[in-house]
PDB file of N, CA and C in Angstrom:
ATOM      1  N   MET A   1       0.839  -1.054  -0.016  1.00  0.00           N
ATOM      2  CA  MET A   1       0.180   0.085   0.206  1.00  0.00           C
ATOM      3  C   MET A   1       0.608   1.276   0.007  1.00  0.00           C
ATOM      4  N   LEU A   2       2.047   1.340   1.036  1.00  0.00           N
ATOM      5  CA  LEU A   2       2.865   2.443   1.067  1.00  0.00           C
ATOM      6  C   LEU A   2       3.527   2.724  -0.473  1.00  0.00           C
ATOM      7  N   ILE A   3       3.813   1.443  -1.296  1.00  0.00           N
ATOM      8  CA  ILE A   3       4.458   1.880  -2.436  1.00  0.00           C
ATOM      9  C   ILE A   3       3.469   2.306  -3.463  1.00  0.00           C
ATOM     10  N   ARG A   4       2.286   1.749  -3.371  1.00  0.00           N
ATOM     11  CA  ARG A   4       1.356   2.378  -4.444  1.00  0.00           C
ATOM     12  C   ARG A   4       0.857   3.961  -4.245  1.00  0.00           C
ATOM     13  N   ASP A   5       1.115   4.467  -2.764  1.00  0.00           N
ATOM     14  CA  ASP A   5       0.821   5.714  -2.427  1.00  0.00           C
ATOM     15  C   ASP A   5       1.888   6.751  -3.149  1.00  0.00           C
ATOM     16  N   LYS A   6       2.973   6.162  -2.796  1.00  0.00           N
ATOM     17  CA  LYS A   6       4.380   6.736  -3.161  1.00  0.00           C
ATOM     18  C   LYS A   6       4.148   6.988  -4.830  1.00  0.00           C
ATOM     19  N   ALA A   7       4.028   5.558  -5.349  1.00  0.00           N
ATOM     20  CA  ALA A   7       3.633   5.704  -7.094  1.00  0.00           C
ATOM     21  C   ALA A   7       2.504   6.947  -7.312  1.00  0.00           C
ATOM     22  N   ASN A   8       1.725   6.899  -6.571  1.00  0.00           N
ATOM     23  CA  ASN A   8       0.483   7.896  -7.087  1.00  0.00           C
ATOM     24  C   ASN A   8       0.940   9.449  -6.626  1.00  0.00           C
ATOM     25  N   LYS A   9       1.720   9.577  -5.829  1.00  0.00           N
ATOM     26  CA  LYS A   9       2.222  10.790  -5.322  1.00  0.00           C
ATOM     27  C   LYS A   9       3.114  11.257  -6.588  1.00  0.00           C
ATOM     28  N   ASN A  10       4.209  10.185  -7.008  1.00  0.00           N
ATOM     29  CA  ASN A  10       4.876  10.717  -7.821  1.00  0.00           C
ATOM     30  C   ASN A  10       4.135  11.139  -9.268  1.00  0.00           C
ATOM     31  N   ASP A  11       3.301  10.262  -9.775  1.00  0.00           N
ATOM     32  CA  ASP A  11       2.474  10.299 -10.750  1.00  0.00           C
ATOM     33  C   ASP A  11       1.796  11.736 -10.879  1.00  0.00           C
ATOM     34  N   GLN A  12       1.088  12.169  -9.389  1.00  0.00           N
ATOM     35  CA  GLN A  12       0.445  13.461  -9.418  1.00  0.00           C
ATOM     36  C   GLN A  12       1.676  14.493  -9.634  1.00  0.00           C
ATOM     37  N   ASN A  13       2.616  14.345  -9.057  1.00  0.00           N
ATOM     38  CA  ASN A  13       3.530  15.738  -9.147  1.00  0.00           C
ATOM     39  C   ASN A  13       4.111  15.733 -10.813  1.00  0.00           C
ATOM     40  N   GLU A  14       4.236  14.556 -11.383  1.00  0.00           N
ATOM     41  CA  GLU A  14       4.551  14.453 -12.686  1.00  0.00           C
ATOM     42  C   GLU A  14       3.534  15.301 -13.686  1.00  0.00           C
ATOM     43  N   ARG A  15       2.373  15.217 -13.155  1.00  0.00           N
ATOM     44  CA  ARG A  15       1.387  15.726 -14.029  1.00  0.00           C
ATOM     45  C   ARG A  15       1.362  17.095 -13.722  1.00  0.00           C
ATOM     46  N   THR A  16       1.503  17.607 -12.412  1.00  0.00           N
ATOM     47  CA  THR A  16       1.659  19.048 -12.023  1.00  0.00           C
ATOM     48  C   THR A  16       2.696  19.568 -12.960  1.00  0.00           C
ATOM     49  N   VAL A  17       3.865  19.069 -13.130  1.00  0.00           N
ATOM     50  CA  VAL A  17       5.099  19.736 -13.902  1.00  0.00           C
ATOM     51  C   VAL A  17       4.551  19.935 -15.329  1.00  0.00           C
ATOM     52  N   GLN A  18       3.988  18.733 -15.991  1.00  0.00           N
ATOM     53  CA  GLN A  18       3.481  18.791 -17.322  1.00  0.00           C
ATOM     54  C   GLN A  18       2.455  19.895 -17.241  1.00  0.00           C
ATOM     55  N   ARG A  19       1.484  20.030 -16.640  1.00  0.00           N
ATOM     56  CA  ARG A  19       0.498  21.135 -16.647  1.00  0.00           C
ATOM     57  C   ARG A  19       1.287  22.503 -16.508  1.00  0.00           C
ATOM     58  N   GLN A  20       2.239  22.454 -15.692  1.00  0.00           N
ATOM     59  CA  GLN A  20       2.808  24.064 -15.509  1.00  0.00           C
ATOM     60  C   GLN A  20       3.648  24.049 -17.047  1.00  0.00           C
ATOM     61  N   THR A  21       4.333  23.484 -17.471  1.00  0.00           N
ATOM     62  CA  THR A  21       4.876  23.144 -18.662  1.00  0.00           C
ATOM     63  C   THR A  21       4.072  23.853 -19.734  1.00  0.00           C
ATOM     64  N   LEU A  22       2.873  23.203 -19.669  1.00  0.00           N
ATOM     65  CA  LEU A  22       1.914  23.578 -20.598  1.00  0.00           C
ATOM     66  C   LEU A  22       1.451  24.933 -20.770  1.00  0.00           C
ATOM     67  N   LEU A  23       1.141  25.248 -19.468  1.00  0.00           N
ATOM     68  CA  LEU A  23       0.742  26.628 -19.246  1.00  0.00           C
ATOM     69  C   LEU A  23       1.569  27.985 -18.889  1.00  0.00           C
ATOM     70  N   GLY A  24       3.046  27.352 -18.770  1.00  0.00           N
ATOM     71  CA  GLY A  24       4.458  28.231 -18.677  1.00  0.00           C
ATOM     72  C   GLY A  24       4.330  28.054 -17.114  1.00  0.00           C
ATOM     73  N   ASN A  25       5.780  28.495 -16.722  1.00  0.00           N
ATOM     74  CA  ASN A  25       6.526  28.277 -15.524  1.00  0.00           C
ATOM     75  C   ASN A  25       5.586  29.028 -14.318  1.00  0.00           C
ATOM     76  N   GLY A  26       5.323  30.114 -14.632  1.00  0.00           N
ATOM     77  CA  GLY A  26       4.835  31.203 -13.572  1.00  0.00           C
ATOM     78  C   GLY A  26       3.422  31.170 -13.443  1.00  0.00           C
ATOM     79  N   ALA A  27       2.443  30.123 -13.954  1.00  0.00           N
ATOM     80  CA  ALA A  27       1.100  30.092 -14.075  1.00  0.00           C
ATOM     81  C   ALA A  27       0.648  29.623 -12.941  1.00  0.00           C
ATOM     82  N   ASP A  28      -0.352  29.713 -12.339  1.00  0.00           N
ATOM     83  CA  ASP A  28      -1.031  29.234 -11.386  1.00  0.00           C
ATOM     84  C   ASP A  28      -2.135  28.192 -11.860  1.00  0.00           C
ATOM     85  N   THR A  29      -1.557  27.125 -11.967  1.00  0.00           N
ATOM     86  CA  THR A  29      -2.438  25.947 -12.488  1.00  0.00           C
ATOM     87  C   THR A  29      -3.457  25.396 -12.011  1.00  0.00           C
ATOM     88  N   ARG A  30      -3.881  25.943 -10.578  1.00  0.00           N
ATOM     89  CA  ARG A  30      -4.816  25.551  -9.988  1.00  0.00           C
ATOM     90  C   ARG A  30      -6.189  26.244 -10.242  1.00  0.00           C
ATOM     91  N   ASN A  31      -6.115  27.561 -10.945  1.00  0.00           N
ATOM     92  CA  ASN A  31      -6.821  28.557 -10.989  1.00  0.00           C
ATOM     93  C   ASN A  31      -7.017  28.884 -12.505  1.00  0.00           C
ATOM     94  N   TYR A  32      -6.417  28.210 -13.513  1.00  0.00           N
ATOM     95  CA  TYR A  32      -6.366  28.399 -14.841  1.00  0.00           C
ATOM     96  C   TYR A  32      -7.368  27.430 -15.466  1.00  0.00           C
ATOM     97  N   VAL A  33      -8.224  27.946 -16.307  1.00  0.00           N
ATOM     98  CA  VAL A  33      -9.435  27.176 -17.333  1.00  0.00           C
ATOM     99  C   VAL A  33      -9.100  27.479 -18.724  1.00  0.00           C
ATOM    100  N   GLY A  34      -9.117  26.615 -19.393  1.00  0.00           N
ATOM    101  CA  GLY A  34      -9.226  27.091 -20.705  1.00  0.00           C
ATOM    102  C   GLY A  34      -9.310  25.533 -21.639  1.00  0.00           C
ATOM    103  N   GLN A  35      -9.837  25.551 -22.714  1.00  0.00           N
ATOM    104  CA  GLN A  35     -10.038  24.612 -23.397  1.00  0.00           C
ATOM    105  C   GLN A  35      -8.910  23.970 -24.244  1.00  0.00           C
ATOM    106  N   HIS A  36      -8.278  25.117 -24.773  1.00  0.00           N
ATOM    107  CA  HIS A  36      -6.775  24.759 -25.287  1.00  0.00           C
ATOM    108  C   HIS A  36      -5.972  23.823 -24.637  1.00  0.00           C
ATOM    109  N   THR A  37      -5.863  24.556 -23.163  1.00  0.00           N
ATOM    110  CA  THR A  37      -4.959  23.808 -22.254  1.00  0.00           C
ATOM    111  C   THR A  37      -5.968  22.329 -21.958  1.00  0.00           C
ATOM    112  N   PHE A  38      -6.866  22.214 -21.948  1.00  0.00           N
ATOM    113  CA  PHE A  38      -7.343  20.863 -21.254  1.00  0.00           C
ATOM    114  C   PHE A  38      -7.007  19.919 -22.141  1.00  0.00           C
ATOM    115  N   GLY A  39      -7.093  20.510 -23.595  1.00  0.00           N
ATOM    116  CA  GLY A  39      -7.019  19.476 -24.616  1.00  0.00           C
ATOM    117  C   GLY A  39      -5.543  19.192 -24.773  1.00  0.00           C
ATOM    118  N   SER A  40      -4.561  19.939 -24.561  1.00  0.00           N
ATOM    119  CA  SER A  40      -3.130  19.951 -24.393  1.00  0.00           C
ATOM    120  C   SER A  40      -2.934  18.684 -23.344  1.00  0.00           C
ATOM    121  N   TYR A  41      -3.364  19.154 -22.228  1.00  0.00           N
ATOM    122  CA  TYR A  41      -3.267  18.310 -21.309  1.00  0.00           C
ATOM    123  C   TYR A  41      -3.553  16.571 -21.431  1.00  0.00           C
ATOM    124  N   LEU A  42      -4.950  16.843 -21.812  1.00  0.00           N
ATOM    125  CA  LEU A  42      -5.324  15.484 -22.004  1.00  0.00           C
ATOM    126  C   LEU A  42      -4.707  14.694 -23.072  1.00  0.00           C
ATOM    127  N   LYS A  43      -4.136  15.328 -24.169  1.00  0.00           N
ATOM    128  CA  LYS A  43      -3.249  14.588 -25.033  1.00  0.00           C
ATOM    129  C   LYS A  43      -1.906  13.952 -24.615  1.00  0.00           C
ATOM    130  N   ALA A  44      -1.457  14.853 -23.651  1.00  0.00           N
ATOM    131  CA  ALA A  44      -0.273  14.614 -23.008  1.00  0.00           C
ATOM    132  C   ALA A  44      -0.324  13.157 -22.118  1.00  0.00           C
ATOM    133  N   GLU A  45      -1.574  13.307 -21.361  1.00  0.00           N
ATOM    134  CA  GLU A  45      -1.814  12.207 -20.439  1.00  0.00           C
ATOM    135  C   GLU A  45      -2.070  11.256 -21.250  1.00  0.00           C
ATOM    136  N   ARG A  46      -2.928  11.123 -22.280  1.00  0.00           N
ATOM    137  CA  ARG A  46      -3.296   9.976 -23.239  1.00  0.00           C
ATOM    138  C   ARG A  46      -2.232   9.627 -23.831  1.00  0.00           C
ATOM    139  N   SER A  47      -1.063  10.134 -24.111  1.00  0.00           N
ATOM    140  CA  SER A  47       0.176   9.864 -24.671  1.00  0.00           C
ATOM    141  C   SER A  47       1.045   8.988 -23.623  1.00  0.00           C
ATOM    142  N   ARG A  48       1.096   9.472 -22.486  1.00  0.00           N
ATOM    143  CA  ARG A  48       2.092   9.289 -21.356  1.00  0.00           C
ATOM    144  C   ARG A  48       1.617   7.703 -20.869  1.00  0.00           C
ATOM    145  N   LYS A  49      -0.351   7.613 -20.989  1.00  0.00           N
ATOM    146  CA  LYS A  49      -0.388   6.427 -20.334  1.00  0.00           C
ATOM    147  C   LYS A  49      -0.333   5.449 -21.287  1.00  0.00           C
ATOM    148  N   GLY A  50       0.080   5.588 -22.687  1.00  0.00           N
ATOM    149  CA  GLY A  50       0.447   4.703 -23.695  1.00  0.00           C
ATOM    150  C   GLY A  50      -0.995   4.229 -24.516  1.00  0.00           C
ATOM    151  N   TYR A  51      -1.781   5.187 -24.681  1.00  0.00           N
ATOM    152  CA  TYR A  51      -3.262   5.121 -25.274  1.00  0.00           C
ATOM    153  C   TYR A  51      -3.162   5.733 -26.611  1.00  0.00           C
ATOM    154  N   SER A  52      -3.610   5.211 -27.646  1.00  0.00           N
ATOM    155  CA  SER A  52      -3.945   6.119 -29.017  1.00  0.00           C
ATOM    156  C   SER A  52      -5.427   6.663 -28.841  1.00  0.00           C
ATOM    157  N   ARG A  53      -5.300   7.581 -29.807  1.00  0.00           N
ATOM    158  CA  ARG A  53      -6.745   8.225 -29.689  1.00  0.00           C
ATOM    159  C   ARG A  53      -7.801   7.312 -29.736  1.00  0.00           C
ATOM    160  N   HIS A  54      -7.549   6.571 -30.786  1.00  0.00           N
ATOM    161  CA  HIS A  54      -8.357   5.366 -31.156  1.00  0.00           C
ATOM    162  C   HIS A  54      -8.732   4.167 -29.849  1.00  0.00           C
ATOM    163  N   SER A  55      -7.935   3.996 -29.337  1.00  0.00           N
ATOM    164  CA  SER A  55      -8.023   2.985 -28.360  1.00  0.00           C
ATOM    165  C   SER A  55      -8.600   3.704 -26.976  1.00  0.00           C
ATOM    166  N   LEU A  56      -8.231   5.164 -26.592  1.00  0.00           N
ATOM    167  CA  LEU A  56      -9.057   5.645 -25.754  1.00  0.00           C
ATOM    168  C   LEU A  56     -10.319   6.189 -26.043  1.00  0.00           C
ATOM    169  N   ALA A  57     -10.642   6.265 -27.176  1.00  0.00           N
ATOM    170  CA  ALA A  57     -12.094   6.246 -27.457  1.00  0.00           C
ATOM    171  C   ALA A  57     -13.049   5.142 -27.422  1.00  0.00           C
ATOM    172  N   ALA A  58     -12.248   4.139 -27.831  1.00  0.00           N
ATOM    173  CA  ALA A  58     -12.772   2.510 -27.424  1.00  0.00           C
ATOM    174  C   ALA A  58     -13.436   2.275 -26.118  1.00  0.00           C
ATOM    175  N   THR A  59     -12.308   2.569 -25.282  1.00  0.00           N
ATOM    176  CA  THR A  59     -12.145   2.519 -23.979  1.00  0.00           C
ATOM    177  C   THR A  59     -13.379   3.040 -23.123  1.00  0.00           C
ATOM    178  N   THR A  60     -13.318   4.547 -23.288  1.00  0.00           N
ATOM    179  CA  THR A  60     -14.349   5.506 -22.702  1.00  0.00           C
ATOM    180  C   THR A  60     -15.818   5.505 -23.278  1.00  0.00           C
ATOM    181  N   GLY A  61     -15.832   5.165 -24.590  1.00  0.00           N
ATOM    182  CA  GLY A  61     -17.039   5.198 -25.171  1.00  0.00           C
ATOM    183  C   GLY A  61     -17.144   6.280 -25.846  1.00  0.00           C
ATOM    184  N   ILE A  62     -16.374   7.296 -25.764  1.00  0.00           N
ATOM    185  CA  ILE A  62     -16.427   8.619 -26.238  1.00  0.00           C
ATOM    186  C   ILE A  62     -15.953   8.698 -27.768  1.00  0.00           C
ATOM    187  N   GLN A  63     -16.451   9.158 -28.881  1.00  0.00           N
ATOM    188  CA  GLN A  63     -16.248   9.132 -30.277  1.00  0.00           C
ATOM    189  C   GLN A  63     -14.907   9.480 -30.509  1.00  0.00           C
ATOM    190  N   GLU A  64     -14.152   8.657 -31.506  1.00  0.00           N
ATOM    191  CA  GLU A  64     -12.642   9.324 -31.696  1.00  0.00           C
ATOM    192  C   GLU A  64     -12.592  10.975 -32.186  1.00  0.00           C
ATOM    193  N   LYS A  65     -13.557  11.142 -32.970  1.00  0.00           N
ATOM    194  CA  LYS A  65     -13.758  12.520 -33.703  1.00  0.00           C
ATOM    195  C   LYS A  65     -14.097  13.411 -32.295  1.00  0.00           C
ATOM    196  N   ARG A  66     -14.686  13.101 -31.423  1.00  0.00           N
ATOM    197  CA  ARG A  66     -14.857  14.222 -30.264  1.00  0.00           C
ATOM    198  C   ARG A  66     -13.840  14.244 -29.443  1.00  0.00           C
ATOM    199  N   LEU A  67     -13.082  12.991 -29.369  1.00  0.00           N
ATOM    200  CA  LEU A  67     -11.742  13.355 -28.695  1.00  0.00           C
ATOM    201  C   LEU A  67     -10.825  14.375 -29.232  1.00  0.00           C
ATOM    202  N   LEU A  68     -10.807  14.050 -30.914  1.00  0.00           N
ATOM    203  CA  LEU A  68      -9.898  15.102 -31.501  1.00  0.00           C
ATOM    204  C   LEU A  68     -10.094  16.502 -31.349  1.00  0.00           C
ATOM    205  N   GLU A  69     -11.308  16.670 -31.104  1.00  0.00           N
ATOM    206  CA  GLU A  69     -11.693  18.182 -31.183  1.00  0.00           C
ATOM    207  C   GLU A  69     -11.443  18.414 -29.777  1.00  0.00           C
ATOM    208  N   ILE A  70     -11.793  17.736 -28.811  1.00  0.00           N
ATOM    209  CA  ILE A  70     -11.347  18.116 -27.365  1.00  0.00           C
ATOM    210  C   ILE A  70     -10.123  18.520 -27.223  1.00  0.00           C
ATOM    211  N   GLU A  71      -9.293  17.547 -27.921  1.00  0.00           N
ATOM    212  CA  GLU A  71      -7.925  17.766 -27.711  1.00  0.00           C
ATOM    213  C   GLU A  71      -7.638  19.003 -28.492  1.00  0.00           C
ATOM    214  N   MET A  72      -7.813  19.420 -29.801  1.00  0.00           N
ATOM    215  CA  MET A  72      -7.768  20.573 -30.415  1.00  0.00           C
ATOM    216  C   MET A  72      -8.381  21.897 -29.797  1.00  0.00           C
ATOM    217  N   GLY A  73      -9.187  21.763 -28.744  1.00  0.00           N
ATOM    218  CA  GLY A  73      -9.705  22.761 -28.103  1.00  0.00           C
ATOM    219  C   GLY A  73     -10.874  23.140 -28.935  1.00  0.00           C
ATOM    220  N   LYS A  74     -11.363  22.466 -29.636  1.00  0.00           N
ATOM    221  CA  LYS A  74     -12.644  22.936 -30.416  1.00  0.00           C
ATOM    222  C   LYS A  74     -14.007  22.723 -29.332  1.00  0.00           C
ATOM    223  N   GLU A  75     -13.779  21.477 -28.764  1.00  0.00           N
ATOM    224  CA  GLU A  75     -15.175  21.124 -28.162  1.00  0.00           C
ATOM    225  C   GLU A  75     -14.589  21.121 -26.629  1.00  0.00           C
ATOM    226  N   MET A  76     -15.793  21.255 -25.952  1.00  0.00           N
ATOM    227  CA  MET A  76     -15.462  21.056 -24.317  1.00  0.00           C
ATOM    228  C   MET A  76     -15.965  19.618 -23.886  1.00  0.00           C
ATOM    229  N   PRO A  77     -15.206  19.164 -22.922  1.00  0.00           N
ATOM    230  CA  PRO A  77     -15.842  17.809 -22.465  1.00  0.00           C
ATOM    231  C   PRO A  77     -17.092  17.738 -21.704  1.00  0.00           C
ATOM    232  N   SER A  78     -17.923  16.751 -22.042  1.00  0.00           N
ATOM    233  CA  SER A  78     -19.098  17.002 -20.966  1.00  0.00           C
ATOM    234  C   SER A  78     -18.483  16.230 -19.512  1.00  0.00           C
ATOM    235  N   PHE A  79     -19.362  16.375 -18.396  1.00  0.00           N
ATOM    236  CA  PHE A  79     -19.197  15.882 -17.305  1.00  0.00           C
ATOM    237  C   PHE A  79     -18.919  14.573 -17.406  1.00  0.00           C
ATOM    238  N   LYS A  80     -19.881  13.527 -18.116  1.00  0.00           N
ATOM    239  CA  LYS A  80     -19.731  12.346 -18.490  1.00  0.00           C
ATOM    240  C   LYS A  80     -18.381  11.906 -19.093  1.00  0.00           C
ATOM    241  N   ASP A  81     -18.157  12.585 -20.028  1.00  0.00           N
ATOM    242  CA  ASP A  81     -16.929  12.561 -20.667  1.00  0.00           C
ATOM    243  C   ASP A  81     -15.710  12.396 -19.666  1.00  0.00           C
ATOM    244  N   MET A  82     -15.738  13.678 -18.711  1.00  0.00           N
ATOM    245  CA  MET A  82     -14.628  13.586 -17.657  1.00  0.00           C
ATOM    246  C   MET A  82     -14.943  12.349 -16.812  1.00  0.00           C
ATOM    247  N   GLN A  83     -15.845  11.958 -16.487  1.00  0.00           N
ATOM    248  CA  GLN A  83     -15.603  11.017 -15.554  1.00  0.00           C
ATOM    249  C   GLN A  83     -15.101   9.597 -16.426  1.00  0.00           C
ATOM    250  N   ALA A  84     -15.619   9.343 -17.550  1.00  0.00           N
ATOM    251  CA  ALA A  84     -15.006   8.192 -18.365  1.00  0.00           C
ATOM    252  C   ALA A  84     -13.419   8.386 -18.394  1.00  0.00           C
ATOM    253  N   LEU A  85     -12.798   9.599 -18.575  1.00  0.00           N
ATOM    254  CA  LEU A  85     -11.547   9.949 -19.117  1.00  0.00           C
ATOM    255  C   LEU A  85     -10.991   9.856 -17.505  1.00  0.00           C
ATOM    256  N   SER A  86     -11.408  10.303 -16.579  1.00  0.00           N
ATOM    257  CA  SER A  86     -10.716  10.078 -15.271  1.00  0.00           C
ATOM    258  C   SER A  86     -10.510   8.419 -14.641  1.00  0.00           C
ATOM    259  N   SER A  87     -11.642   7.761 -15.185  1.00  0.00           N
ATOM    260  CA  SER A  87     -11.731   6.432 -14.985  1.00  0.00           C
ATOM    261  C   SER A  87     -10.590   5.586 -15.792  1.00  0.00           C
ATOM    262  N   VAL A  88     -10.341   5.935 -16.737  1.00  0.00           N
ATOM    263  CA  VAL A  88      -9.622   5.283 -17.672  1.00  0.00           C
ATOM    264  C   VAL A  88      -8.145   5.494 -17.424  1.00  0.00           C
ATOM    265  N   LEU A  89      -8.003   7.006 -17.366  1.00  0.00           N
ATOM    266  CA  LEU A  89      -6.691   7.448 -17.306  1.00  0.00           C
ATOM    267  C   LEU A  89      -6.049   7.676 -15.941  1.00  0.00           C
ATOM    268  N   GLU A  90      -6.988   7.101 -15.168  1.00  0.00           N
ATOM    269  CA  GLU A  90      -6.547   7.218 -13.794  1.00  0.00           C
ATOM    270  C   GLU A  90      -6.404   8.619 -13.295  1.00  0.00           C
ATOM    271  N   ILE A  91      -6.920   9.467 -13.444  1.00  0.00           N
ATOM    272  CA  ILE A  91      -6.704  10.849 -12.929  1.00  0.00           C
ATOM    273  C   ILE A  91      -7.877  11.403 -12.261  1.00  0.00           C
ATOM    274  N   PRO A  92      -7.630  11.750 -10.914  1.00  0.00           N
ATOM    275  CA  PRO A  92      -8.867  12.323 -10.230  1.00  0.00           C
ATOM    276  C   PRO A  92      -9.730  13.137 -10.921  1.00  0.00           C
ATOM    277  N   GLU A  93     -11.032  13.181 -10.981  1.00  0.00           N
ATOM    278  CA  GLU A  93     -11.613  14.066 -11.491  1.00  0.00           C
ATOM    279  C   GLU A  93     -11.248  15.511 -11.264  1.00  0.00           C
ATOM    280  N   SER A  94     -11.159  15.773 -10.044  1.00  0.00           N
ATOM    281  CA  SER A  94     -10.819  17.321  -9.398  1.00  0.00           C
ATOM    282  C   SER A  94      -9.649  17.613 -10.340  1.00  0.00           C
ATOM    283  N   GLU A  95      -8.423  16.916 -10.697  1.00  0.00           N
ATOM    284  CA  GLU A  95      -7.494  17.357 -11.416  1.00  0.00           C
ATOM    285  C   GLU A  95      -7.813  17.466 -12.889  1.00  0.00           C
ATOM    286  N   LEU A  96      -8.747  16.602 -13.342  1.00  0.00           N
ATOM    287  CA  LEU A  96      -9.205  16.960 -14.697  1.00  0.00           C
ATOM    288  C   LEU A  96     -10.122  18.318 -14.980  1.00  0.00           C
ATOM    289  N   LEU A  97     -10.814  18.670 -13.899  1.00  0.00           N
ATOM    290  CA  LEU A  97     -11.785  19.854 -13.839  1.00  0.00           C
ATOM    291  C   LEU A  97     -10.643  20.865 -13.528  1.00  0.00           C
ATOM    292  N   ALA A  98      -9.558  20.907 -13.048  1.00  0.00           N
ATOM    293  CA  ALA A  98      -8.860  21.721 -12.562  1.00  0.00           C
ATOM    294  C   ALA A  98      -8.012  22.104 -14.185  1.00  0.00           C
ATOM    295  N   ALA A  99      -8.077  21.350 -14.963  1.00  0.00           N
ATOM    296  CA  ALA A  99      -7.285  21.937 -16.261  1.00  0.00           C
ATOM    297  C   ALA A  99      -8.224  22.102 -17.239  1.00  0.00           C
ATOM    298  N   GLY A 100      -9.437  22.457 -17.080  1.00  0.00           N
ATOM    299  CA  GLY A 100     -10.211  22.766 -18.380  1.00  0.00           C
ATOM    300  C   GLY A 100     -11.872  23.020 -18.190  1.00  0.00           C
ATOM    301  N   HIS A 101     -12.416  23.539 -19.012  1.00  0.00           N
ATOM    302  CA  HIS A 101     -13.832  23.586 -18.957  1.00  0.00           C
ATOM    303  C   HIS A 101     -14.741  22.308 -19.149  1.00  0.00           C
ATOM    304  N   VAL A 102     -15.718  22.672 -18.545  1.00  0.00           N
ATOM    305  CA  VAL A 102     -16.489  20.990 -18.491  1.00  0.00           C
ATOM    306  C   VAL A 102     -18.117  21.885 -19.006  1.00  0.00           C
ATOM    307  N   LYS A 103     -18.653  20.879 -20.158  1.00  0.00           N
ATOM    308  CA  LYS A 103     -19.812  21.465 -20.771  1.00  0.00           C
ATOM    309  C   LYS A 103     -21.379  20.980 -19.758  1.00  0.00           C
ATOM    310  N   ARG A 104     -21.800  21.909 -19.572  1.00  0.00           N
ATOM    311  CA  ARG A 104     -22.837  21.651 -19.028  1.00  0.00           C
ATOM    312  C   ARG A 104     -24.033  20.739 -19.491  1.00  0.00           C
ATOM    313  N   GLU A 105     -24.564  19.497 -19.325  1.00  0.00           N
ATOM    314  CA  GLU A 105     -25.240  18.851 -19.990  1.00  0.00           C
ATOM    315  C   GLU A 105     -26.979  19.224 -19.620  1.00  0.00           C
TER     316      GLU A 105
END
């Protein structure tokens, strides 16, 4: 259990560094929201976890074209999309919500 907690902490720290890199070194990532940033963050996390867009779409039930549009910042994810992405990519929903907008359903 302790090893898993340490691995989760390291994983979370790595995502924070990636988010800061995407936003710039001086950005306050906790309060920043933006579609383009969320899309870049999602794409980086998808790649880091070893998912192609096609495989993530198949696993989450989100259409591949929609994932592309979310990653490009043309679409906002719905709350249902966020839940599926959070579950599959093993990222807390709160962290995904901090990375970008969510479309109200």
